[in-house]
Amino acid sequence: MDDRKELTTLLAQLGPERIRRSVYDNNNQLLAEGIADERDGHPDDFSSIDFSGKSVVDLGCNFGFYSFLARQKGANHVVGVDLDDLVIQGCKLLQNINNITGVEFICSDFTAPSFSQLFDITLLIDFFGKGSIIKGIDRYLDAIESITREVMIVSARNYYRIEKHFNGYLDTIIGLYSSDYVRNGKFYLIEYISEYFKENWELTILSPDDHDISSKKTLYFHKAK
């Protein structure tokens, strides 16, 4: 079986719920639709970032959209990381189909102590959602900070409505993040993340200020001097 057929079979096996961004072959033909909002982590948000000669890690990479984007923009070496072994297999097939070098994919838990390599730029795009917020995101924030030399790029929604998104979990949210970030029936996620990193990192929001609360904003954290 050739790589394209194998990838098509694998994508069908995974199903749409495990495919974040749409997957295309080397002829730009659609192989599988993604379920992510295309506004989240839009490529235009990355236009001002200098990837040239940088080492980059794409955490929760899914099918490697941002791994390939970073390499296309001049990154010297890119590592895509995901916990789903089948997804990683798909990344490698897609890489072969598109004949892309300088990118490797590994199946790993990036919060594990053994994941200790340092990178110039760390990507964590379209990773945080209701499920991870209820479980607690601090371990992910600690993990990305510990492996980043220069820049962290994270996407997140400005806020979530407690009643709509976390009905019955108000005490859990307050217990994890304190009442400082829960106001007027909303949990302010970007505010929490920016405060979490404020001692050592400077924040710029790369996404356009479109006042759309349903889309995730791309946050650019640069190591403070």
C-alpha atoms as a PDB file:
ATOM      1  CA  MET A   1       0.000   0.000   0.000  1.00  0.00           C
ATOM      2  CA  ASP A   2       1.413   3.417  -0.925  1.00  0.00           C
ATOM      3  CA  ASP A   3       1.616   6.267   1.590  1.00  0.00           C
ATOM      4  CA  ARG A   4      -1.440   8.108   0.283  1.00  0.00           C
ATOM      5  CA  LYS A   5      -3.694   5.055   0.434  1.00  0.00           C
ATOM      6  CA  GLU A   6      -2.359   4.137   3.861  1.00  0.00           C
ATOM      7  CA  LEU A   7      -2.995   7.661   5.131  1.00  0.00           C
ATOM      8  CA  THR A   8      -6.518   7.692   3.680  1.00  0.00           C
ATOM      9  CA  THR A   9      -7.266   4.398   5.429  1.00  0.00           C
ATOM     10  CA  LEU A  10      -5.825   5.674   8.703  1.00  0.00           C
ATOM     11  CA  LEU A  11      -7.840   8.917   8.537  1.00  0.00           C
ATOM     12  CA  ALA A  12     -11.040   6.943   8.017  1.00  0.00           C
ATOM     13  CA  GLN A  13     -10.128   4.733  10.965  1.00  0.00           C
ATOM     14  CA  LEU A  14      -9.545   7.716  13.242  1.00  0.00           C
ATOM     15  CA  GLY A  15     -12.775   9.488  12.324  1.00  0.00           C
ATOM     16  CA  PRO A  16     -13.408  13.244  12.271  1.00  0.00           C
ATOM     17  CA  GLU A  17     -13.408  13.693  16.060  1.00  0.00           C
ATOM     18  CA  ARG A  18      -9.631  13.014  16.162  1.00  0.00           C
ATOM     19  CA  ILE A  19      -8.684  15.278  13.250  1.00  0.00           C
ATOM     20  CA  ARG A  20      -8.260  18.922  14.221  1.00  0.00           C
ATOM     21  CA  ARG A  21      -7.352  20.729  10.999  1.00  0.00           C
ATOM     22  CA  SER A  22      -8.221  19.494   7.516  1.00  0.00           C
ATOM     23  CA  VAL A  23      -5.636  17.207   5.916  1.00  0.00           C
ATOM     24  CA  TYR A  24      -4.502  17.669   2.305  1.00  0.00           C
ATOM     25  CA  ASP A  25      -2.159  15.705   0.071  1.00  0.00           C
ATOM     26  CA  ASN A  26       0.725  17.065  -2.009  1.00  0.00           C
ATOM     27  CA  ASN A  27      -1.711  18.055  -4.785  1.00  0.00           C
ATOM     28  CA  ASN A  28      -3.783  20.077  -2.296  1.00  0.00           C
ATOM     29  CA  GLN A  29      -6.595  17.536  -2.502  1.00  0.00           C
ATOM     30  CA  LEU A  30      -8.650  17.194   0.667  1.00  0.00           C
ATOM     31  CA  LEU A  31      -8.163  13.864   2.410  1.00  0.00           C
ATOM     32  CA  ALA A  32     -10.149  14.584   5.589  1.00  0.00           C
ATOM     33  CA  GLU A  33     -12.104  17.463   7.071  1.00  0.00           C
ATOM     34  CA  GLY A  34     -10.948  18.874  10.393  1.00  0.00           C
ATOM     35  CA  ILE A  35     -13.250  19.842  13.253  1.00  0.00           C
ATOM     36  CA  ALA A  36     -11.265  22.877  14.452  1.00  0.00           C
ATOM     37  CA  ASP A  37     -12.455  26.417  13.916  1.00  0.00           C
ATOM     38  CA  GLU A  38     -10.262  27.680  11.068  1.00  0.00           C
ATOM     39  CA  ARG A  39      -9.983  31.059  12.796  1.00  0.00           C
ATOM     40  CA  ASP A  40      -8.119  29.480  15.730  1.00  0.00           C
ATOM     41  CA  GLY A  41      -4.393  29.803  15.228  1.00  0.00           C
ATOM     42  CA  HIS A  42      -4.906  31.264  11.768  1.00  0.00           C
ATOM     43  CA  PRO A  43      -1.677  31.206   9.697  1.00  0.00           C
ATOM     44  CA  ASP A  44      -1.894  34.997   9.321  1.00  0.00           C
ATOM     45  CA  ASP A  45      -1.259  35.250  13.073  1.00  0.00           C
ATOM     46  CA  PHE A  46       2.225  33.832  12.471  1.00  0.00           C
ATOM     47  CA  SER A  47       3.219  36.234   9.697  1.00  0.00           C
ATOM     48  CA  SER A  48       5.354  38.455  11.947  1.00  0.00           C
ATOM     49  CA  ILE A  49       7.186  35.616  13.721  1.00  0.00           C
ATOM     50  CA  ASP A  50      10.772  34.919  12.702  1.00  0.00           C
ATOM     51  CA  PHE A  51      11.213  31.134  12.588  1.00  0.00           C
ATOM     52  CA  SER A  52      14.458  31.321  10.597  1.00  0.00           C
ATOM     53  CA  GLY A  53      17.077  28.930  11.955  1.00  0.00           C
ATOM     54  CA  LYS A  54      15.040  28.201  15.083  1.00  0.00           C
ATOM     55  CA  SER A  55      14.325  24.926  16.818  1.00  0.00           C
ATOM     56  CA  VAL A  56      10.568  24.495  17.249  1.00  0.00           C
ATOM     57  CA  VAL A  57       8.361  22.037  19.126  1.00  0.00           C
ATOM     58  CA  ASP A  58       4.667  21.711  18.237  1.00  0.00           C
ATOM     59  CA  LEU A  59       2.882  20.248  21.262  1.00  0.00           C
ATOM     60  CA  GLY A  60      -0.386  18.421  20.706  1.00  0.00           C
ATOM     61  CA  CYS A  61       0.525  18.595  17.030  1.00  0.00           C
ATOM     62  CA  ASN A  62      -2.306  16.393  15.711  1.00  0.00           C
ATOM     63  CA  PHE A  63      -1.572  16.041  11.965  1.00  0.00           C
ATOM     64  CA  GLY A  64       1.287  18.511  12.019  1.00  0.00           C
ATOM     65  CA  PHE A  65      -0.276  21.596  10.459  1.00  0.00           C
ATOM     66  CA  TYR A  66       1.823  23.979  12.568  1.00  0.00           C
ATOM     67  CA  SER A  67       4.891  21.741  12.475  1.00  0.00           C
ATOM     68  CA  PHE A  68       4.911  21.976   8.689  1.00  0.00           C
ATOM     69  CA  LEU A  69       4.090  25.696   8.821  1.00  0.00           C
ATOM     70  CA  ALA A  70       7.075  26.405  11.090  1.00  0.00           C
ATOM     71  CA  ARG A  71       9.379  24.456   8.777  1.00  0.00           C
ATOM     72  CA  GLN A  72       7.978  26.283   5.748  1.00  0.00           C
ATOM     73  CA  LYS A  73       8.742  29.578   7.482  1.00  0.00           C
ATOM     74  CA  GLY A  74      12.389  28.670   7.945  1.00  0.00           C
ATOM     75  CA  ALA A  75      12.672  26.733  11.199  1.00  0.00           C
ATOM     76  CA  ASN A  76      15.879  24.713  11.266  1.00  0.00           C
ATOM     77  CA  HIS A  77      14.414  21.725  13.082  1.00  0.00           C
ATOM     78  CA  VAL A  78      10.849  20.975  14.149  1.00  0.00           C
ATOM     79  CA  VAL A  79       9.512  18.305  16.488  1.00  0.00           C
ATOM     80  CA  GLY A  80       5.796  17.488  16.509  1.00  0.00           C
ATOM     81  CA  VAL A  81       4.522  15.799  19.667  1.00  0.00           C
ATOM     82  CA  ASP A  82       1.210  14.051  20.240  1.00  0.00           C
ATOM     83  CA  LEU A  83      -0.102  11.360  22.584  1.00  0.00           C
ATOM     84  CA  ASP A  84      -2.073   9.601  19.843  1.00  0.00           C
ATOM     85  CA  ASP A  85       0.147   6.993  18.211  1.00  0.00           C
ATOM     86  CA  LEU A  86      -2.112   6.645  15.160  1.00  0.00           C
ATOM     87  CA  VAL A  87      -2.023  10.391  14.620  1.00  0.00           C
ATOM     88  CA  ILE A  88       1.779  10.326  14.741  1.00  0.00           C
ATOM     89  CA  GLN A  89       1.771   7.542  12.158  1.00  0.00           C
ATOM     90  CA  GLY A  90      -0.426   9.771  10.009  1.00  0.00           C
ATOM     91  CA  CYS A  91       1.976  12.703  10.426  1.00  0.00           C
ATOM     92  CA  LYS A  92       4.859  10.601   9.150  1.00  0.00           C
ATOM     93  CA  LEU A  93       2.857   9.421   6.147  1.00  0.00           C
ATOM     94  CA  LEU A  94       1.822  12.995   5.358  1.00  0.00           C
ATOM     95  CA  GLN A  95       5.446  14.079   5.664  1.00  0.00           C
ATOM     96  CA  ASN A  96       6.497  11.402   3.173  1.00  0.00           C
ATOM     97  CA  ILE A  97       3.728  12.340   0.754  1.00  0.00           C
ATOM     98  CA  ASN A  98       4.788  15.987   0.804  1.00  0.00           C
ATOM     99  CA  ASN A  99       8.521  15.184   0.854  1.00  0.00           C
ATOM    100  CA  ILE A 100       9.189  17.448   3.845  1.00  0.00           C
ATOM    101  CA  THR A 101      12.528  17.254   5.649  1.00  0.00           C
ATOM    102  CA  GLY A 102      13.654  18.826   8.917  1.00  0.00           C
ATOM    103  CA  VAL A 103      10.554  17.696  10.839  1.00  0.00           C
ATOM    104  CA  GLU A 104      10.231  14.705  13.135  1.00  0.00           C
ATOM    105  CA  PHE A 105       7.189  13.380  14.949  1.00  0.00           C
ATOM    106  CA  ILE A 106       7.152  11.574  18.275  1.00  0.00           C
ATOM    107  CA  CYS A 107       4.439  10.026  20.416  1.00  0.00           C
ATOM    108  CA  SER A 108       5.028  11.388  23.913  1.00  0.00           C
ATOM    109  CA  ASP A 109       3.516  13.093  26.952  1.00  0.00           C
ATOM    110  CA  PHE A 110       5.167  16.508  26.944  1.00  0.00           C
ATOM    111  CA  THR A 111       4.351  16.987  30.637  1.00  0.00           C
ATOM    112  CA  ALA A 112       6.461  13.948  31.609  1.00  0.00           C
ATOM    113  CA  PRO A 113       9.758  14.705  33.398  1.00  0.00           C
ATOM    114  CA  SER A 114      11.630  12.781  30.699  1.00  0.00           C
ATOM    115  CA  PHE A 115      10.579  15.362  28.090  1.00  0.00           C
ATOM    116  CA  SER A 116      13.334  17.843  28.816  1.00  0.00           C
ATOM    117  CA  GLN A 117      14.793  19.041  25.490  1.00  0.00           C
ATOM    118  CA  LEU A 118      14.963  22.823  25.081  1.00  0.00           C
ATOM    119  CA  PHE A 119      13.530  24.610  22.038  1.00  0.00           C
ATOM    120  CA  ASP A 120      13.740  28.186  20.808  1.00  0.00           C
ATOM    121  CA  ILE A 121      10.008  28.322  20.059  1.00  0.00           C
ATOM    122  CA  THR A 122       7.218  26.257  21.611  1.00  0.00           C
ATOM    123  CA  LEU A 123       3.763  25.991  20.022  1.00  0.00           C
ATOM    124  CA  LEU A 124       0.632  24.960  21.907  1.00  0.00           C
ATOM    125  CA  ILE A 125      -2.164  25.742  19.470  1.00  0.00           C
ATOM    126  CA  ASP A 126      -5.849  24.820  19.815  1.00  0.00           C
ATOM    127  CA  PHE A 127      -5.019  22.628  22.799  1.00  0.00           C
ATOM    128  CA  PHE A 128      -6.964  24.152  25.680  1.00  0.00           C
ATOM    129  CA  GLY A 129     -10.690  23.469  25.876  1.00  0.00           C
ATOM    130  CA  LYS A 130     -13.406  22.730  28.388  1.00  0.00           C
ATOM    131  CA  GLY A 131     -12.036  19.302  29.263  1.00  0.00           C
ATOM    132  CA  SER A 132      -8.477  20.418  29.972  1.00  0.00           C
ATOM    133  CA  ILE A 133      -9.686  23.470  31.899  1.00  0.00           C
ATOM    134  CA  ILE A 134     -11.788  21.346  34.265  1.00  0.00           C
ATOM    135  CA  LYS A 135      -8.816  19.027  34.863  1.00  0.00           C
ATOM    136  CA  GLY A 136      -6.409  21.933  35.367  1.00  0.00           C
ATOM    137  CA  ILE A 137      -3.990  23.516  32.904  1.00  0.00           C
ATOM    138  CA  ASP A 138      -1.119  24.465  35.214  1.00  0.00           C
ATOM    139  CA  ARG A 139       0.875  21.331  34.431  1.00  0.00           C
ATOM    140  CA  TYR A 140       0.744  22.185  30.718  1.00  0.00           C
ATOM    141  CA  LEU A 141       1.817  25.768  31.360  1.00  0.00           C
ATOM    142  CA  ASP A 142       4.678  24.587  33.564  1.00  0.00           C
ATOM    143  CA  ALA A 143       5.747  22.078  30.916  1.00  0.00           C
ATOM    144  CA  ILE A 144       5.910  24.534  28.029  1.00  0.00           C
ATOM    145  CA  GLU A 145       7.753  27.117  30.100  1.00  0.00           C
ATOM    146  CA  SER A 146      10.341  24.547  31.189  1.00  0.00           C
ATOM    147  CA  ILE A 147      11.328  23.604  27.623  1.00  0.00           C
ATOM    148  CA  THR A 148      11.291  27.068  25.980  1.00  0.00           C
ATOM    149  CA  ARG A 149      14.303  29.329  25.456  1.00  0.00           C
ATOM    150  CA  GLU A 150      12.778  32.330  23.713  1.00  0.00           C
ATOM    151  CA  VAL A 151       9.145  32.241  22.570  1.00  0.00           C
ATOM    152  CA  MET A 152       5.942  30.468  23.567  1.00  0.00           C
ATOM    153  CA  ILE A 153       2.937  30.663  21.247  1.00  0.00           C
ATOM    154  CA  VAL A 154      -0.344  29.568  22.816  1.00  0.00           C
ATOM    155  CA  SER A 155      -3.931  29.854  21.627  1.00  0.00           C
ATOM    156  CA  ALA A 156      -6.831  30.316  24.027  1.00  0.00           C
ATOM    157  CA  ARG A 157     -10.297  31.800  24.263  1.00  0.00           C
ATOM    158  CA  ASN A 158     -10.648  35.081  26.107  1.00  0.00           C
ATOM    159  CA  TYR A 159     -13.270  33.634  28.440  1.00  0.00           C
ATOM    160  CA  TYR A 160     -15.824  30.868  28.940  1.00  0.00           C
ATOM    161  CA  ARG A 161     -19.308  31.292  30.335  1.00  0.00           C
ATOM    162  CA  ILE A 162     -19.631  29.295  33.551  1.00  0.00           C
ATOM    163  CA  GLU A 163     -23.292  28.325  33.105  1.00  0.00           C
ATOM    164  CA  LYS A 164     -22.929  27.387  29.438  1.00  0.00           C
ATOM    165  CA  HIS A 165     -19.534  25.689  29.445  1.00  0.00           C
ATOM    166  CA  PHE A 166     -18.972  24.547  33.042  1.00  0.00           C
ATOM    167  CA  ASN A 167     -22.446  24.005  34.449  1.00  0.00           C
ATOM    168  CA  GLY A 168     -22.017  22.317  37.826  1.00  0.00           C
ATOM    169  CA  TYR A 169     -18.255  22.900  37.926  1.00  0.00           C
ATOM    170  CA  LEU A 170     -18.089  26.406  39.398  1.00  0.00           C
ATOM    171  CA  ASP A 171     -16.432  25.202  42.620  1.00  0.00           C
ATOM    172  CA  THR A 172     -13.934  23.179  40.580  1.00  0.00           C
ATOM    173  CA  ILE A 173     -13.011  26.202  38.457  1.00  0.00           C
ATOM    174  CA  ILE A 174     -12.613  28.443  41.511  1.00  0.00           C
ATOM    175  CA  GLY A 175     -10.599  25.769  43.301  1.00  0.00           C
ATOM    176  CA  LEU A 176      -8.209  25.403  40.380  1.00  0.00           C
ATOM    177  CA  TYR A 177      -7.850  29.041  39.353  1.00  0.00           C
ATOM    178  CA  SER A 178      -9.208  31.092  42.292  1.00  0.00           C
ATOM    179  CA  SER A 179     -12.155  33.464  42.221  1.00  0.00           C
ATOM    180  CA  ASP A 180      -9.921  36.236  40.815  1.00  0.00           C
ATOM    181  CA  TYR A 181     -10.567  34.935  37.294  1.00  0.00           C
ATOM    182  CA  VAL A 182     -14.274  34.177  37.735  1.00  0.00           C
ATOM    183  CA  ARG A 183     -16.410  37.292  37.362  1.00  0.00           C
ATOM    184  CA  ASN A 184     -19.868  38.068  36.033  1.00  0.00           C
ATOM    185  CA  GLY A 185     -20.502  34.400  35.311  1.00  0.00           C
ATOM    186  CA  LYS A 186     -17.327  34.023  33.213  1.00  0.00           C
ATOM    187  CA  PHE A 187     -13.944  32.345  33.588  1.00  0.00           C
ATOM    188  CA  TYR A 188     -11.232  34.534  32.033  1.00  0.00           C
ATOM    189  CA  LEU A 189      -8.725  32.100  30.565  1.00  0.00           C
ATOM    190  CA  ILE A 190      -6.381  34.479  28.722  1.00  0.00           C
ATOM    191  CA  GLU A 191      -6.160  36.661  31.806  1.00  0.00           C
ATOM    192  CA  TYR A 192      -5.208  33.613  33.876  1.00  0.00           C
ATOM    193  CA  ILE A 193      -2.522  32.469  31.414  1.00  0.00           C
ATOM    194  CA  SER A 194      -1.034  35.957  31.079  1.00  0.00           C
ATOM    195  CA  GLU A 195      -0.862  36.356  34.860  1.00  0.00           C
ATOM    196  CA  TYR A 196       0.686  32.904  35.188  1.00  0.00           C
ATOM    197  CA  PHE A 197       3.590  33.876  32.943  1.00  0.00           C
ATOM    198  CA  LYS A 198       3.879  37.583  33.717  1.00  0.00           C
ATOM    199  CA  GLU A 199       6.994  37.342  35.913  1.00  0.00           C
ATOM    200  CA  ASN A 200       9.235  36.014  33.153  1.00  0.00           C
ATOM    201  CA  TRP A 201       7.398  36.612  29.868  1.00  0.00           C
ATOM    202  CA  GLU A 202       6.047  39.543  27.876  1.00  0.00           C
ATOM    203  CA  LEU A 203       2.719  39.022  26.099  1.00  0.00           C
ATOM    204  CA  THR A 204       1.562  40.187  22.678  1.00  0.00           C
ATOM    205  CA  ILE A 205      -1.769  39.082  21.214  1.00  0.00           C
ATOM    206  CA  LEU A 206      -1.221  38.291  17.538  1.00  0.00           C
ATOM    207  CA  SER A 207      -4.846  37.723  16.510  1.00  0.00           C
ATOM    208  CA  PRO A 208      -6.864  40.644  15.174  1.00  0.00           C
ATOM    209  CA  ASP A 209      -9.046  42.400  17.734  1.00  0.00           C
ATOM    210  CA  ASP A 210     -12.340  41.295  16.223  1.00  0.00           C
ATOM    211  CA  HIS A 211     -14.207  41.089  19.558  1.00  0.00           C
ATOM    212  CA  ASP A 212     -15.306  37.554  18.652  1.00  0.00           C
ATOM    213  CA  ILE A 213     -15.390  35.670  21.955  1.00  0.00           C
ATOM    214  CA  SER A 214     -16.004  32.293  20.319  1.00  0.00           C
ATOM    215  CA  SER A 215     -12.603  32.108  18.597  1.00  0.00           C
ATOM    216  CA  LYS A 216      -9.263  31.457  20.233  1.00  0.00           C
ATOM    217  CA  LYS A 217      -6.632  34.189  20.223  1.00  0.00           C
ATOM    218  CA  THR A 218      -2.990  33.533  19.414  1.00  0.00           C
ATOM    219  CA  LEU A 219      -0.803  34.617  22.325  1.00  0.00           C
ATOM    220  CA  TYR A 220       2.891  35.391  21.788  1.00  0.00           C
ATOM    221  CA  PHE A 221       5.060  35.192  24.925  1.00  0.00           C
ATOM    222  CA  HIS A 222       8.639  36.424  24.628  1.00  0.00           C
ATOM    223  CA  LYS A 223      11.175  35.850  27.391  1.00  0.00           C
ATOM    224  CA  ALA A 224      11.512  39.038  29.415  1.00  0.00           C
ATOM    225  CA  LYS A 225      14.979  40.605  29.494  1.00  0.00           C
END
